[in-house]
Amino acid sequence: MIKQLGPIRDVLAEADPQNKADVYQNLGLKLTFESGKQLV
């Protein structure tokens, strides 16, 4: 399945924000945004 998607980084970069959030949540990932550095 991953091979069919191509480069997963590119796929996620272009994904709808809500769909991306759903993927991250299902994977159990928690992201932290550092506003001063503009980093996640």
Protein backbone atom coordinates (compact mmCIF):
# COMPACT_ATOMS: atom_id res chain seq x y z
CA MET A 1 0.00 0.00 0.00
CA ILE A 2 2.80 2.42 0.87
CA LYS A 3 4.50 1.83 -2.49
CA GLN A 4 1.26 2.78 -4.24
CA LEU A 5 1.14 6.11 -2.42
CA GLY A 6 4.61 7.10 -3.51
CA PRO A 7 6.75 9.30 -1.29
CA ILE A 8 4.67 9.43 1.91
CA ARG A 9 6.19 12.79 2.87
CA ASP A 10 4.84 14.35 -0.35
CA VAL A 11 1.45 12.71 0.10
CA LEU A 12 1.10 14.03 3.66
CA ALA A 13 2.36 17.50 2.70
CA GLU A 14 -0.45 17.82 0.16
CA ALA A 15 -3.16 16.12 2.26
CA ASP A 16 -6.22 17.87 3.63
CA PRO A 17 -5.39 19.01 7.19
CA GLN A 18 -8.27 17.06 8.76
CA ASN A 19 -7.33 13.86 6.91
CA LYS A 20 -3.73 14.36 7.98
CA ALA A 21 -4.80 14.82 11.61
CA ASP A 22 -6.85 11.61 11.41
CA VAL A 23 -3.84 9.69 10.07
CA TYR A 24 -1.57 11.03 12.81
CA GLN A 25 -4.15 10.24 15.49
CA ASN A 26 -4.65 6.69 14.21
CA LEU A 27 -0.88 6.19 14.27
CA GLY A 28 -0.78 7.45 17.85
CA LEU A 29 1.44 10.41 16.96
CA LYS A 30 1.38 13.58 19.03
CA LEU A 31 2.86 16.71 17.48
CA THR A 32 4.13 19.73 19.40
CA PHE A 33 4.37 23.13 17.72
CA GLU A 34 7.10 25.50 18.84
CA SER A 35 5.76 28.87 17.73
CA GLY A 36 8.97 30.79 18.39
CA LYS A 37 10.90 28.47 16.07
CA GLN A 38 8.00 27.73 13.70
CA LEU A 39 8.72 24.00 14.12
CA VAL A 40 6.64 20.93 14.76
